[in-house]
Amino acid sequence: MDVLIEGQPVVGRPVLGHWSVRVAGGTGGRPALEVYQDGELIDVLVATTLGVGVLRGARRGSCGGFAWGRVDADGSVPSVAFATGRLRPGWQPAETVLVPGGFWLARVSGPALAVLARRADGNVERLRPSRVV
């Protein structure tokens, strides 16, 4: 099953600018999500039943922002938004897609100075995306 954004498959091709992803088999046959930046592996998430955070990583560049993580324990995808400014941050909702195996991807074009993931229970996780030069 291909993950689609705007009708185009995401897995195995660039998601946004510098980033691409691939679904693979992890330890013990569990699904894994590999995240690449300019063709180099930067993160691997393996599906787990442990109660871990939903927001795993984020990057930003001239093309926009990209974030990824695991679905919540109840299987829901968090609501994701990116900050558009420093002094008075506005929050731009991200386009978020579910990836088979219990993962999600989010992207936004434009400024991405911080990323916020709101779980179904209302808890919020926040990261500052690393910048790609």
N, C-alpha and C. Protein backbone atom coordinates (compact mmCIF):
# COMPACT_ATOMS: atom_id res chain seq x y z
N MET A 1 0.84 -1.18 0.00
CA MET A 1 0.00 0.00 0.00
C MET A 1 0.88 1.24 0.00
N ASP A 2 0.69 2.11 -0.97
CA ASP A 2 1.46 3.34 -1.03
C ASP A 2 0.82 4.42 -0.16
N VAL A 3 1.67 5.20 0.46
CA VAL A 3 1.20 6.38 1.17
C VAL A 3 1.14 7.49 0.14
N LEU A 4 0.03 8.21 0.11
CA LEU A 4 -0.14 9.25 -0.90
C LEU A 4 -0.24 10.62 -0.27
N ILE A 5 0.42 11.59 -0.88
CA ILE A 5 0.23 13.00 -0.57
C ILE A 5 -0.05 13.65 -1.91
N GLU A 6 -1.17 14.33 -2.00
CA GLU A 6 -1.61 14.95 -3.25
C GLU A 6 -1.65 13.92 -4.38
N GLY A 7 -2.06 12.69 -4.05
CA GLY A 7 -2.22 11.65 -5.06
C GLY A 7 -0.94 10.99 -5.51
N GLN A 8 0.20 11.36 -4.94
CA GLN A 8 1.49 10.79 -5.33
C GLN A 8 2.04 9.90 -4.22
N PRO A 9 2.66 8.74 -4.56
CA PRO A 9 3.23 7.88 -3.52
C PRO A 9 4.38 8.56 -2.80
N VAL A 10 4.42 8.41 -1.47
CA VAL A 10 5.45 9.03 -0.65
C VAL A 10 6.60 8.07 -0.41
N VAL A 11 6.30 6.84 -0.07
CA VAL A 11 7.33 5.88 0.31
C VAL A 11 8.22 5.59 -0.88
N GLY A 12 9.54 5.73 -0.67
CA GLY A 12 10.51 5.46 -1.71
C GLY A 12 10.80 6.63 -2.64
N ARG A 13 10.21 7.78 -2.38
CA ARG A 13 10.50 8.97 -3.18
C ARG A 13 10.49 10.18 -2.26
N PRO A 14 11.01 11.31 -2.70
CA PRO A 14 11.06 12.47 -1.81
C PRO A 14 9.67 12.86 -1.29
N VAL A 15 9.62 13.14 0.01
CA VAL A 15 8.39 13.61 0.63
C VAL A 15 8.28 15.12 0.43
N LEU A 16 9.40 15.79 0.65
CA LEU A 16 9.46 17.24 0.53
C LEU A 16 10.93 17.61 0.47
N GLY A 17 11.36 18.19 -0.62
CA GLY A 17 12.75 18.65 -0.72
C GLY A 17 13.78 17.59 -0.45
N HIS A 18 14.47 17.74 0.66
CA HIS A 18 15.59 16.88 1.03
C HIS A 18 15.21 15.51 1.59
N TRP A 19 13.95 15.29 1.94
CA TRP A 19 13.58 14.13 2.75
C TRP A 19 12.80 13.08 1.99
N SER A 20 13.08 11.83 2.34
CA SER A 20 12.33 10.69 1.80
C SER A 20 12.20 9.65 2.90
N VAL A 21 11.30 8.70 2.72
CA VAL A 21 11.06 7.66 3.72
C VAL A 21 10.92 6.30 3.04
N ARG A 22 11.09 5.26 3.85
CA ARG A 22 10.91 3.90 3.36
C ARG A 22 10.40 3.05 4.52
N VAL A 23 9.40 2.22 4.26
CA VAL A 23 8.91 1.28 5.27
C VAL A 23 9.71 -0.01 5.11
N ALA A 24 10.22 -0.52 6.22
CA ALA A 24 11.06 -1.72 6.19
C ALA A 24 10.67 -2.64 7.34
N GLY A 25 11.30 -3.80 7.39
CA GLY A 25 11.09 -4.73 8.50
C GLY A 25 12.08 -4.44 9.60
N GLY A 26 11.60 -4.31 10.81
CA GLY A 26 12.48 -4.04 11.95
C GLY A 26 12.77 -5.30 12.73
N THR A 27 13.27 -5.14 13.92
CA THR A 27 13.60 -6.24 14.81
C THR A 27 12.37 -7.10 15.08
N GLY A 28 12.54 -8.41 15.00
CA GLY A 28 11.44 -9.31 15.30
C GLY A 28 10.29 -9.23 14.32
N GLY A 29 10.55 -8.75 13.11
CA GLY A 29 9.50 -8.65 12.09
C GLY A 29 8.56 -7.48 12.28
N ARG A 30 8.85 -6.61 13.23
CA ARG A 30 8.00 -5.43 13.43
C ARG A 30 8.26 -4.40 12.34
N PRO A 31 7.23 -3.65 11.93
CA PRO A 31 7.41 -2.62 10.91
C PRO A 31 8.38 -1.54 11.40
N ALA A 32 9.11 -0.96 10.46
CA ALA A 32 10.02 0.13 10.77
C ALA A 32 9.88 1.21 9.70
N LEU A 33 10.08 2.44 10.10
CA LEU A 33 10.07 3.57 9.18
C LEU A 33 11.48 4.15 9.13
N GLU A 34 12.06 4.18 7.94
CA GLU A 34 13.38 4.78 7.75
C GLU A 34 13.20 6.17 7.17
N VAL A 35 13.88 7.16 7.75
CA VAL A 35 13.79 8.54 7.30
C VAL A 35 15.16 8.93 6.74
N TYR A 36 15.16 9.48 5.53
CA TYR A 36 16.39 9.86 4.84
C TYR A 36 16.43 11.35 4.57
N GLN A 37 17.64 11.91 4.63
CA GLN A 37 17.86 13.30 4.26
C GLN A 37 18.95 13.30 3.21
N ASP A 38 18.64 13.78 2.03
CA ASP A 38 19.59 13.78 0.91
C ASP A 38 20.20 12.40 0.69
N GLY A 39 19.38 11.36 0.83
CA GLY A 39 19.83 10.00 0.58
C GLY A 39 20.53 9.32 1.73
N GLU A 40 20.78 10.01 2.84
CA GLU A 40 21.44 9.42 4.00
C GLU A 40 20.42 9.14 5.09
N LEU A 41 20.53 7.97 5.70
CA LEU A 41 19.63 7.57 6.77
C LEU A 41 19.85 8.44 7.99
N ILE A 42 18.79 9.10 8.48
CA ILE A 42 18.92 9.95 9.67
C ILE A 42 18.12 9.44 10.86
N ASP A 43 17.15 8.54 10.62
CA ASP A 43 16.35 8.03 11.74
C ASP A 43 15.68 6.73 11.33
N VAL A 44 15.49 5.86 12.33
CA VAL A 44 14.73 4.62 12.15
C VAL A 44 13.79 4.50 13.33
N LEU A 45 12.51 4.34 13.06
CA LEU A 45 11.51 4.11 14.10
C LEU A 45 11.00 2.69 13.92
N VAL A 46 10.95 1.95 15.01
CA VAL A 46 10.42 0.59 14.97
C VAL A 46 9.11 0.59 15.75
N ALA A 47 8.10 -0.06 15.20
CA ALA A 47 6.80 -0.14 15.87
C ALA A 47 6.96 -0.74 17.26
N THR A 48 6.24 -0.18 18.21
CA THR A 48 6.33 -0.65 19.59
C THR A 48 4.96 -0.54 20.26
N THR A 49 4.77 -1.32 21.30
CA THR A 49 3.53 -1.23 22.07
C THR A 49 3.76 -0.43 23.35
N LEU A 50 4.99 0.01 23.58
CA LEU A 50 5.29 0.81 24.76
C LEU A 50 4.70 2.20 24.60
N GLY A 51 4.37 2.82 25.69
CA GLY A 51 3.81 4.17 25.65
C GLY A 51 4.90 5.21 25.44
N VAL A 52 5.23 5.47 24.20
CA VAL A 52 6.26 6.45 23.87
C VAL A 52 5.61 7.67 23.23
N GLY A 53 6.37 8.73 23.10
CA GLY A 53 5.85 9.95 22.49
C GLY A 53 5.48 9.75 21.04
N VAL A 54 4.64 10.65 20.56
CA VAL A 54 4.18 10.56 19.17
C VAL A 54 5.06 11.35 18.21
N LEU A 55 5.77 12.37 18.69
CA LEU A 55 6.60 13.21 17.84
C LEU A 55 8.05 12.77 17.96
N ARG A 56 8.62 12.24 16.89
CA ARG A 56 9.97 11.68 16.94
C ARG A 56 11.03 12.64 16.41
N GLY A 57 10.76 13.31 15.28
CA GLY A 57 11.77 14.17 14.69
C GLY A 57 11.18 15.20 13.77
N ALA A 58 11.99 16.22 13.46
CA ALA A 58 11.54 17.28 12.55
C ALA A 58 12.75 17.94 11.92
N ARG A 59 12.56 18.40 10.70
CA ARG A 59 13.59 19.12 9.96
C ARG A 59 12.92 20.29 9.25
N ARG A 60 13.73 21.29 8.91
CA ARG A 60 13.23 22.42 8.14
C ARG A 60 14.29 22.84 7.14
N GLY A 61 13.84 23.39 6.05
CA GLY A 61 14.74 23.88 5.00
C GLY A 61 14.03 24.91 4.17
N SER A 62 14.64 25.28 3.06
CA SER A 62 14.06 26.32 2.22
C SER A 62 12.73 25.89 1.60
N CYS A 63 12.51 24.57 1.51
CA CYS A 63 11.26 24.06 0.92
C CYS A 63 10.13 23.94 1.94
N GLY A 64 10.43 24.07 3.24
CA GLY A 64 9.39 23.96 4.26
C GLY A 64 9.80 23.08 5.41
N GLY A 65 8.82 22.52 6.11
CA GLY A 65 9.08 21.68 7.27
C GLY A 65 8.56 20.28 7.09
N PHE A 66 9.20 19.35 7.79
CA PHE A 66 8.86 17.93 7.71
C PHE A 66 9.00 17.35 9.11
N ALA A 67 8.00 16.58 9.54
CA ALA A 67 8.04 15.93 10.86
C ALA A 67 7.53 14.51 10.72
N TRP A 68 7.91 13.66 11.69
CA TRP A 68 7.49 12.26 11.65
C TRP A 68 7.40 11.72 13.06
N GLY A 69 6.67 10.61 13.18
CA GLY A 69 6.54 9.99 14.49
C GLY A 69 5.69 8.74 14.44
N ARG A 70 5.34 8.27 15.63
CA ARG A 70 4.49 7.08 15.79
C ARG A 70 3.06 7.53 16.08
N VAL A 71 2.11 6.69 15.70
CA VAL A 71 0.72 6.99 16.07
C VAL A 71 0.58 6.81 17.58
N ASP A 72 -0.46 7.39 18.13
CA ASP A 72 -0.73 7.28 19.56
C ASP A 72 -1.13 5.85 19.91
N ALA A 73 -1.15 5.53 21.19
CA ALA A 73 -1.48 4.19 21.65
C ALA A 73 -2.85 3.73 21.15
N ASP A 74 -3.79 4.68 20.94
CA ASP A 74 -5.12 4.32 20.46
C ASP A 74 -5.17 4.23 18.93
N GLY A 75 -4.01 4.42 18.26
CA GLY A 75 -3.95 4.32 16.80
C GLY A 75 -4.24 5.61 16.08
N SER A 76 -4.47 6.69 16.82
CA SER A 76 -4.79 7.97 16.16
C SER A 76 -3.54 8.74 15.78
N VAL A 77 -3.67 9.50 14.69
CA VAL A 77 -2.60 10.36 14.21
C VAL A 77 -2.74 11.71 14.91
N PRO A 78 -1.64 12.28 15.42
CA PRO A 78 -1.77 13.57 16.10
C PRO A 78 -2.09 14.69 15.12
N SER A 79 -2.61 15.76 15.66
CA SER A 79 -2.82 16.99 14.90
C SER A 79 -1.48 17.73 14.93
N VAL A 80 -0.92 18.04 13.77
CA VAL A 80 0.42 18.62 13.70
C VAL A 80 0.36 20.01 13.08
N ALA A 81 1.14 20.94 13.66
CA ALA A 81 1.23 22.30 13.13
C ALA A 81 2.66 22.80 13.27
N PHE A 82 3.05 23.72 12.38
CA PHE A 82 4.38 24.31 12.40
C PHE A 82 4.28 25.80 12.70
N ALA A 83 5.21 26.32 13.51
CA ALA A 83 5.26 27.74 13.82
C ALA A 83 5.81 28.50 12.63
N THR A 84 5.18 29.64 12.31
CA THR A 84 5.59 30.42 11.14
C THR A 84 6.41 31.65 11.50
N GLY A 85 6.58 31.95 12.77
CA GLY A 85 7.36 33.12 13.18
C GLY A 85 7.98 32.92 14.54
N ARG A 86 8.93 33.80 14.88
CA ARG A 86 9.62 33.68 16.17
C ARG A 86 8.96 34.49 17.27
N LEU A 87 8.81 35.78 17.05
CA LEU A 87 8.28 36.65 18.09
C LEU A 87 6.79 36.45 18.31
N ARG A 88 6.06 36.32 17.24
CA ARG A 88 4.62 36.10 17.30
C ARG A 88 4.30 34.91 16.42
N PRO A 89 4.56 33.72 16.94
CA PRO A 89 4.35 32.55 16.07
C PRO A 89 2.88 32.30 15.76
N GLY A 90 2.61 32.22 14.48
CA GLY A 90 1.33 31.72 14.04
C GLY A 90 1.54 30.23 13.80
N TRP A 91 0.51 29.45 13.87
CA TRP A 91 0.66 28.00 13.68
C TRP A 91 -0.07 27.58 12.42
N GLN A 92 0.68 27.01 11.49
CA GLN A 92 0.11 26.54 10.23
C GLN A 92 -0.11 25.03 10.34
N PRO A 93 -1.37 24.59 10.19
CA PRO A 93 -1.64 23.14 10.24
C PRO A 93 -0.87 22.43 9.12
N ALA A 94 -0.34 21.27 9.46
CA ALA A 94 0.43 20.48 8.50
C ALA A 94 -0.46 19.47 7.81
N GLU A 95 -0.05 19.09 6.62
CA GLU A 95 -0.67 17.97 5.92
C GLU A 95 -0.08 16.71 6.54
N THR A 96 -0.91 15.89 7.18
CA THR A 96 -0.45 14.71 7.90
C THR A 96 -1.04 13.46 7.28
N VAL A 97 -0.19 12.45 7.10
CA VAL A 97 -0.64 11.18 6.52
C VAL A 97 -0.22 10.01 7.42
N LEU A 98 -1.04 9.00 7.42
CA LEU A 98 -0.76 7.77 8.14
C LEU A 98 0.08 6.87 7.25
N VAL A 99 1.13 6.30 7.82
CA VAL A 99 1.99 5.36 7.11
C VAL A 99 1.73 3.98 7.69
N PRO A 100 1.52 2.97 6.85
CA PRO A 100 1.28 1.61 7.36
C PRO A 100 2.37 1.18 8.34
N GLY A 101 1.97 0.52 9.41
CA GLY A 101 2.92 0.06 10.41
C GLY A 101 2.85 0.86 11.70
N GLY A 102 2.03 1.93 11.71
CA GLY A 102 1.87 2.71 12.94
C GLY A 102 2.68 3.99 12.99
N PHE A 103 2.92 4.61 11.85
CA PHE A 103 3.70 5.84 11.79
C PHE A 103 2.91 6.93 11.07
N TRP A 104 3.40 8.15 11.15
CA TRP A 104 2.80 9.26 10.44
C TRP A 104 3.89 10.19 9.93
N LEU A 105 3.55 10.98 8.91
CA LEU A 105 4.42 12.00 8.34
C LEU A 105 3.61 13.28 8.25
N ALA A 106 4.28 14.41 8.43
CA ALA A 106 3.61 15.71 8.29
C ALA A 106 4.55 16.65 7.55
N ARG A 107 3.97 17.49 6.72
CA ARG A 107 4.79 18.46 6.00
C ARG A 107 4.02 19.76 5.82
N VAL A 108 4.80 20.80 5.62
CA VAL A 108 4.23 22.12 5.38
C VAL A 108 5.22 22.88 4.51
N SER A 109 4.72 23.66 3.57
CA SER A 109 5.61 24.52 2.81
C SER A 109 5.62 25.87 3.50
N GLY A 110 6.76 26.51 3.51
CA GLY A 110 6.88 27.79 4.20
C GLY A 110 7.65 27.63 5.49
N PRO A 111 7.71 28.70 6.31
CA PRO A 111 8.50 28.68 7.54
C PRO A 111 8.08 27.55 8.48
N ALA A 112 9.07 26.99 9.16
CA ALA A 112 8.80 25.89 10.10
C ALA A 112 9.79 26.00 11.25
N LEU A 113 9.55 26.96 12.14
CA LEU A 113 10.51 27.23 13.21
C LEU A 113 10.32 26.33 14.42
N ALA A 114 9.14 25.74 14.56
CA ALA A 114 8.87 24.77 15.62
C ALA A 114 7.75 23.88 15.12
N VAL A 115 7.63 22.70 15.71
CA VAL A 115 6.55 21.79 15.34
C VAL A 115 5.84 21.36 16.62
N LEU A 116 4.53 21.25 16.52
CA LEU A 116 3.68 20.90 17.65
C LEU A 116 2.81 19.72 17.24
N ALA A 117 2.79 18.67 18.06
CA ALA A 117 1.93 17.52 17.80
C ALA A 117 0.97 17.37 18.98
N ARG A 118 -0.32 17.45 18.70
CA ARG A 118 -1.35 17.35 19.74
C ARG A 118 -2.02 15.99 19.62
N ARG A 119 -1.88 15.20 20.70
CA ARG A 119 -2.47 13.86 20.73
C ARG A 119 -3.97 13.95 20.99
N ALA A 120 -4.66 12.84 20.77
CA ALA A 120 -6.12 12.80 20.96
C ALA A 120 -6.52 13.14 22.39
N ASP A 121 -5.66 12.81 23.38
CA ASP A 121 -5.98 13.10 24.78
C ASP A 121 -5.69 14.55 25.16
N GLY A 122 -5.22 15.37 24.20
CA GLY A 122 -4.96 16.78 24.45
C GLY A 122 -3.51 17.09 24.81
N ASN A 123 -2.72 16.09 25.16
CA ASN A 123 -1.31 16.34 25.48
C ASN A 123 -0.57 16.81 24.23
N VAL A 124 0.40 17.70 24.45
CA VAL A 124 1.13 18.31 23.36
C VAL A 124 2.61 17.99 23.46
N GLU A 125 3.22 17.69 22.33
CA GLU A 125 4.67 17.51 22.24
C GLU A 125 5.19 18.54 21.25
N ARG A 126 6.38 19.08 21.54
CA ARG A 126 6.92 20.16 20.71
C ARG A 126 8.41 19.94 20.47
N LEU A 127 8.85 20.27 19.26
CA LEU A 127 10.27 20.18 18.89
C LEU A 127 10.66 21.40 18.06
N ARG A 128 11.93 21.72 18.08
CA ARG A 128 12.50 22.69 17.14
C ARG A 128 13.14 21.90 16.03
N PRO A 129 12.67 22.06 14.82
CA PRO A 129 13.26 21.30 13.71
C PRO A 129 14.71 21.69 13.45
N SER A 130 15.55 20.70 13.17
CA SER A 130 16.93 20.97 12.75
C SER A 130 16.88 21.60 11.38
N ARG A 131 17.80 22.49 11.14
CA ARG A 131 17.83 23.18 9.85
C ARG A 131 18.75 22.48 8.87
N VAL A 132 18.29 22.38 7.63
CA VAL A 132 19.08 21.84 6.54
C VAL A 132 19.64 23.03 5.77
N VAL A 133 20.93 23.05 5.57
CA VAL A 133 21.54 24.17 4.87
C VAL A 133 21.71 23.88 3.41
